[in-house]
Structure formats: structure tokens, C-alpha cells
Amino acid sequence: MAFNLTHRHGDMSPGNERTDFSALLRELDDRPEDEEHNSVAVTHESEWCLSVSRGGYVVFEHLEDGGERHMRDVPASQVIALWRSLAAGDIAQLESEPWIQGY
């Protein structure tokens, strides 16, 4: 399945089986005073997206159909596991997580 990465400053790149999700997450460590550029994301070709902001705030949503939900204080290891599930197209696994409705 195809997926894309959205980097901290908004540029996008295609993902692949060698994608370093840890490096994507580490982008949030640079310049913490920059509040305008404070999230990174992975978007599956199905338009499901998982974005992460500093402090482990994760939003899971369908970019066309909505259905926004979130979790707070998600540790880095879990963020990476969530991204891997999304990259693999395992939406059912993601939907089973303990999301809170809305942003």
C-alpha cells in the first residue's frame, strides 16, 4: 500500500518499506519554540491520516470524510506502531485503539 509523509514544515515525501518513522517523529524535537510547525503525519492512500504534535498528541482522521479522534500523551514507541499499522493499511487495528472523539 502507498503512503506519504508530511514533514514538520509541510513538505511531503512518499513512504516505503524502509521509511524511518523515528526520524519523522524526531523532526518535532528541532526548534521547540516554533509553534507554527509543530506536527508531522503519515497519510495512507485511502486518505486516513495520523498526525502527531509535540507531547504525543495524536489525531486519527479520514481527510475526506472526517471522523476525527485523538489520544493524548502517546509515547514515541506507540506512535511509531500506529504509523506502521497505517502504512500497512490496517485501519481496523487503528480503529480499535482507545480514541477520544473530536480534536
N, C-alpha and C. Protein backbone atom coordinates (compact mmCIF):
# COMPACT_ATOMS: atom_id res chain seq x y z
N MET A 1 0.83 -1.18 0.00
CA MET A 1 0.00 0.00 0.00
C MET A 1 0.88 1.25 0.00
N ALA A 2 0.38 2.28 -0.59
CA ALA A 2 1.12 3.54 -0.67
C ALA A 2 0.75 4.46 0.49
N PHE A 3 1.74 5.21 0.94
CA PHE A 3 1.51 6.21 1.98
C PHE A 3 2.51 7.35 1.79
N ASN A 4 2.16 8.49 2.36
CA ASN A 4 3.01 9.67 2.29
C ASN A 4 3.34 10.18 3.67
N LEU A 5 4.46 10.86 3.77
CA LEU A 5 4.88 11.51 5.00
C LEU A 5 4.71 13.01 4.84
N THR A 6 4.21 13.65 5.87
CA THR A 6 4.17 15.10 5.89
C THR A 6 5.15 15.53 6.96
N HIS A 7 6.17 16.26 6.53
CA HIS A 7 7.23 16.67 7.43
C HIS A 7 6.84 17.95 8.17
N ARG A 8 7.63 18.30 9.12
CA ARG A 8 7.31 19.39 10.03
C ARG A 8 7.02 20.71 9.35
N HIS A 9 7.69 21.01 8.28
CA HIS A 9 7.48 22.29 7.60
C HIS A 9 6.51 22.18 6.44
N GLY A 10 5.78 21.05 6.37
CA GLY A 10 4.72 20.89 5.38
C GLY A 10 5.11 20.18 4.11
N ASP A 11 6.40 19.97 3.87
CA ASP A 11 6.77 19.25 2.66
C ASP A 11 6.40 17.78 2.82
N MET A 12 6.10 17.15 1.69
CA MET A 12 5.65 15.76 1.69
C MET A 12 6.63 14.90 0.91
N SER A 13 6.69 13.63 1.30
CA SER A 13 7.52 12.67 0.58
C SER A 13 6.82 11.32 0.62
N PRO A 14 7.05 10.49 -0.39
CA PRO A 14 6.44 9.17 -0.38
C PRO A 14 7.13 8.27 0.64
N GLY A 15 6.34 7.41 1.25
CA GLY A 15 6.89 6.42 2.17
C GLY A 15 7.15 5.12 1.44
N ASN A 16 7.94 4.26 2.06
CA ASN A 16 8.19 2.92 1.52
C ASN A 16 8.56 1.99 2.66
N GLU A 17 8.91 0.76 2.32
CA GLU A 17 9.19 -0.24 3.35
C GLU A 17 10.40 0.12 4.22
N ARG A 18 11.23 1.05 3.79
CA ARG A 18 12.41 1.45 4.56
C ARG A 18 12.20 2.77 5.30
N THR A 19 11.00 3.28 5.32
CA THR A 19 10.73 4.57 5.98
C THR A 19 11.16 4.53 7.44
N ASP A 20 11.89 5.55 7.84
CA ASP A 20 12.34 5.68 9.22
C ASP A 20 11.34 6.57 9.97
N PHE A 21 10.33 5.93 10.56
CA PHE A 21 9.31 6.67 11.28
C PHE A 21 9.89 7.39 12.49
N SER A 22 10.94 6.84 13.07
CA SER A 22 11.59 7.51 14.21
C SER A 22 12.16 8.86 13.79
N ALA A 23 12.76 8.92 12.61
CA ALA A 23 13.31 10.18 12.11
C ALA A 23 12.21 11.20 11.89
N LEU A 24 11.07 10.75 11.37
CA LEU A 24 9.95 11.66 11.17
C LEU A 24 9.50 12.24 12.50
N LEU A 25 9.39 11.41 13.50
CA LEU A 25 8.96 11.87 14.82
C LEU A 25 10.00 12.80 15.45
N ARG A 26 11.27 12.52 15.24
CA ARG A 26 12.33 13.37 15.80
C ARG A 26 12.32 14.78 15.21
N GLU A 27 11.71 14.97 14.06
CA GLU A 27 11.61 16.32 13.50
C GLU A 27 10.95 17.29 14.48
N LEU A 28 10.10 16.77 15.35
CA LEU A 28 9.42 17.62 16.33
C LEU A 28 10.34 18.13 17.43
N ASP A 29 11.51 17.52 17.56
CA ASP A 29 12.46 17.93 18.60
C ASP A 29 13.22 19.19 18.23
N ASP A 30 13.30 19.49 16.95
CA ASP A 30 14.05 20.65 16.48
C ASP A 30 13.25 21.93 16.68
N ARG A 31 13.88 22.93 17.24
CA ARG A 31 13.28 24.25 17.45
C ARG A 31 11.91 24.20 18.14
N PRO A 32 11.87 23.77 19.37
CA PRO A 32 10.58 23.66 20.07
C PRO A 32 9.84 24.99 20.23
N GLU A 33 10.54 26.09 20.07
CA GLU A 33 9.87 27.39 20.17
C GLU A 33 9.02 27.70 18.94
N ASP A 34 9.20 26.95 17.86
CA ASP A 34 8.45 27.16 16.63
C ASP A 34 7.09 26.47 16.77
N GLU A 35 6.09 27.22 17.21
CA GLU A 35 4.76 26.66 17.44
C GLU A 35 3.94 26.53 16.17
N GLU A 36 4.35 27.21 15.11
CA GLU A 36 3.62 27.13 13.85
C GLU A 36 3.82 25.77 13.17
N HIS A 37 5.01 25.23 13.28
CA HIS A 37 5.35 23.96 12.63
C HIS A 37 5.55 22.91 13.72
N ASN A 38 4.45 22.38 14.24
CA ASN A 38 4.57 21.50 15.40
C ASN A 38 3.93 20.14 15.21
N SER A 39 3.79 19.70 13.96
CA SER A 39 3.24 18.36 13.76
C SER A 39 3.84 17.71 12.52
N VAL A 40 3.78 16.39 12.51
CA VAL A 40 4.18 15.57 11.38
C VAL A 40 3.08 14.53 11.19
N ALA A 41 3.03 13.91 10.01
CA ALA A 41 1.92 12.98 9.77
C ALA A 41 2.29 11.91 8.76
N VAL A 42 1.52 10.84 8.81
CA VAL A 42 1.54 9.79 7.80
C VAL A 42 0.13 9.68 7.26
N THR A 43 0.01 9.67 5.93
CA THR A 43 -1.29 9.56 5.28
C THR A 43 -1.29 8.37 4.34
N HIS A 44 -2.22 7.47 4.55
CA HIS A 44 -2.38 6.29 3.71
C HIS A 44 -3.11 6.67 2.43
N GLU A 45 -2.93 5.89 1.38
CA GLU A 45 -3.59 6.19 0.10
C GLU A 45 -5.11 6.20 0.21
N SER A 46 -5.66 5.59 1.25
CA SER A 46 -7.11 5.59 1.48
C SER A 46 -7.60 6.90 2.09
N GLU A 47 -6.68 7.85 2.33
CA GLU A 47 -6.95 9.16 2.92
C GLU A 47 -7.08 9.14 4.44
N TRP A 48 -6.77 8.01 5.09
CA TRP A 48 -6.68 8.01 6.55
C TRP A 48 -5.35 8.62 6.92
N CYS A 49 -5.36 9.45 7.95
CA CYS A 49 -4.16 10.19 8.34
C CYS A 49 -3.97 10.11 9.85
N LEU A 50 -2.72 9.96 10.26
CA LEU A 50 -2.33 10.03 11.67
C LEU A 50 -1.32 11.16 11.81
N SER A 51 -1.72 12.23 12.47
CA SER A 51 -0.79 13.33 12.70
C SER A 51 -0.39 13.35 14.17
N VAL A 52 0.83 13.80 14.41
CA VAL A 52 1.37 13.82 15.77
C VAL A 52 1.96 15.19 16.04
N SER A 53 1.62 15.74 17.19
CA SER A 53 2.19 17.00 17.65
C SER A 53 3.08 16.73 18.84
N ARG A 54 3.86 17.73 19.20
CA ARG A 54 4.73 17.59 20.37
C ARG A 54 3.93 17.14 21.58
N GLY A 55 4.58 16.35 22.41
CA GLY A 55 3.93 15.89 23.63
C GLY A 55 3.07 14.66 23.42
N GLY A 56 3.10 14.09 22.21
CA GLY A 56 2.37 12.85 21.97
C GLY A 56 0.89 13.02 21.73
N TYR A 57 0.49 14.17 21.22
CA TYR A 57 -0.92 14.38 20.86
C TYR A 57 -1.12 13.83 19.45
N VAL A 58 -1.95 12.79 19.32
CA VAL A 58 -2.15 12.09 18.05
C VAL A 58 -3.59 12.26 17.58
N VAL A 59 -3.75 12.62 16.31
CA VAL A 59 -5.07 12.74 15.70
C VAL A 59 -5.17 11.73 14.58
N PHE A 60 -6.26 10.97 14.58
CA PHE A 60 -6.55 9.98 13.54
C PHE A 60 -7.82 10.43 12.86
N GLU A 61 -7.76 10.63 11.54
CA GLU A 61 -8.93 11.12 10.83
C GLU A 61 -8.88 10.71 9.37
N HIS A 62 -10.05 10.69 8.76
CA HIS A 62 -10.15 10.50 7.32
C HIS A 62 -10.22 11.89 6.71
N LEU A 63 -9.29 12.20 5.83
CA LEU A 63 -9.17 13.57 5.32
C LEU A 63 -10.35 14.02 4.49
N GLU A 64 -11.09 13.09 3.92
CA GLU A 64 -12.27 13.48 3.12
C GLU A 64 -13.57 13.34 3.90
N ASP A 65 -13.68 12.31 4.73
CA ASP A 65 -14.94 12.00 5.40
C ASP A 65 -14.99 12.42 6.86
N GLY A 66 -13.90 12.89 7.41
CA GLY A 66 -13.89 13.32 8.81
C GLY A 66 -13.75 12.17 9.78
N GLY A 67 -14.53 12.22 10.84
CA GLY A 67 -14.45 11.20 11.88
C GLY A 67 -13.26 11.39 12.80
N GLU A 68 -12.93 12.64 13.09
CA GLU A 68 -11.75 12.96 13.88
C GLU A 68 -11.81 12.32 15.26
N ARG A 69 -10.66 11.83 15.68
CA ARG A 69 -10.49 11.29 17.04
C ARG A 69 -9.05 11.50 17.46
N HIS A 70 -8.80 11.46 18.75
CA HIS A 70 -7.46 11.75 19.22
C HIS A 70 -7.10 10.94 20.47
N MET A 71 -5.81 10.96 20.79
CA MET A 71 -5.27 10.44 22.05
C MET A 71 -4.19 11.42 22.50
N ARG A 72 -4.02 11.53 23.80
CA ARG A 72 -3.00 12.41 24.37
C ARG A 72 -1.88 11.59 25.01
N ASP A 73 -0.73 12.21 25.10
CA ASP A 73 0.42 11.63 25.80
C ASP A 73 0.80 10.25 25.29
N VAL A 74 0.75 10.06 23.99
CA VAL A 74 1.10 8.77 23.38
C VAL A 74 2.62 8.69 23.31
N PRO A 75 3.23 7.64 23.87
CA PRO A 75 4.68 7.52 23.82
C PRO A 75 5.18 7.27 22.39
N ALA A 76 6.42 7.65 22.15
CA ALA A 76 7.01 7.53 20.81
C ALA A 76 6.89 6.13 20.24
N SER A 77 7.13 5.12 21.05
CA SER A 77 7.06 3.74 20.55
C SER A 77 5.67 3.39 20.05
N GLN A 78 4.65 3.89 20.73
CA GLN A 78 3.27 3.63 20.29
C GLN A 78 2.94 4.43 19.03
N VAL A 79 3.42 5.68 18.94
CA VAL A 79 3.21 6.47 17.73
C VAL A 79 3.76 5.72 16.53
N ILE A 80 4.96 5.22 16.65
CA ILE A 80 5.60 4.50 15.55
C ILE A 80 4.81 3.25 15.20
N ALA A 81 4.32 2.53 16.21
CA ALA A 81 3.49 1.35 15.94
C ALA A 81 2.20 1.72 15.21
N LEU A 82 1.59 2.84 15.60
CA LEU A 82 0.38 3.31 14.93
C LEU A 82 0.67 3.67 13.48
N TRP A 83 1.77 4.37 13.25
CA TRP A 83 2.15 4.72 11.88
C TRP A 83 2.40 3.48 11.04
N ARG A 84 3.04 2.49 11.62
CA ARG A 84 3.30 1.25 10.87
C ARG A 84 1.98 0.56 10.50
N SER A 85 1.04 0.55 11.41
CA SER A 85 -0.28 -0.02 11.10
C SER A 85 -0.94 0.73 9.96
N LEU A 86 -0.87 2.06 10.01
CA LEU A 86 -1.47 2.86 8.95
C LEU A 86 -0.76 2.63 7.62
N ALA A 87 0.55 2.60 7.63
CA ALA A 87 1.31 2.38 6.40
C ALA A 87 0.96 1.03 5.77
N ALA A 88 0.66 0.05 6.62
CA ALA A 88 0.29 -1.28 6.13
C ALA A 88 -1.19 -1.36 5.73
N GLY A 89 -1.93 -0.30 5.98
CA GLY A 89 -3.35 -0.28 5.63
C GLY A 89 -4.24 -0.99 6.63
N ASP A 90 -3.74 -1.19 7.85
CA ASP A 90 -4.51 -1.90 8.87
C ASP A 90 -5.41 -0.92 9.63
N ILE A 91 -6.42 -0.43 8.94
CA ILE A 91 -7.33 0.57 9.51
C ILE A 91 -8.13 -0.03 10.66
N ALA A 92 -8.52 -1.30 10.55
CA ALA A 92 -9.29 -1.94 11.61
C ALA A 92 -8.52 -1.94 12.93
N GLN A 93 -7.22 -2.19 12.87
CA GLN A 93 -6.40 -2.15 14.09
C GLN A 93 -6.41 -0.74 14.68
N LEU A 94 -6.26 0.24 13.83
CA LEU A 94 -6.25 1.62 14.31
C LEU A 94 -7.59 2.01 14.92
N GLU A 95 -8.67 1.59 14.31
CA GLU A 95 -10.00 1.93 14.84
C GLU A 95 -10.26 1.29 16.19
N SER A 96 -9.54 0.22 16.52
CA SER A 96 -9.75 -0.46 17.80
C SER A 96 -9.00 0.21 18.96
N GLU A 97 -8.21 1.21 18.67
CA GLU A 97 -7.46 1.92 19.71
C GLU A 97 -8.42 2.77 20.56
N PRO A 98 -8.00 3.16 21.76
CA PRO A 98 -8.88 3.92 22.66
C PRO A 98 -8.94 5.42 22.33
N TRP A 99 -9.48 5.73 21.18
CA TRP A 99 -9.58 7.12 20.72
C TRP A 99 -10.65 7.88 21.49
N ILE A 100 -10.48 9.18 21.59
CA ILE A 100 -11.48 10.10 22.11
C ILE A 100 -12.01 10.86 20.90
N GLN A 101 -13.32 10.93 20.76
CA GLN A 101 -13.92 11.61 19.60
C GLN A 101 -13.58 13.09 19.57
N GLY A 102 -13.39 13.61 18.36
CA GLY A 102 -13.10 15.01 18.16
C GLY A 102 -11.61 15.30 18.24
N TYR A 103 -11.31 16.59 18.14
CA TYR A 103 -9.91 17.01 18.24
C TYR A 103 -9.57 17.19 19.66
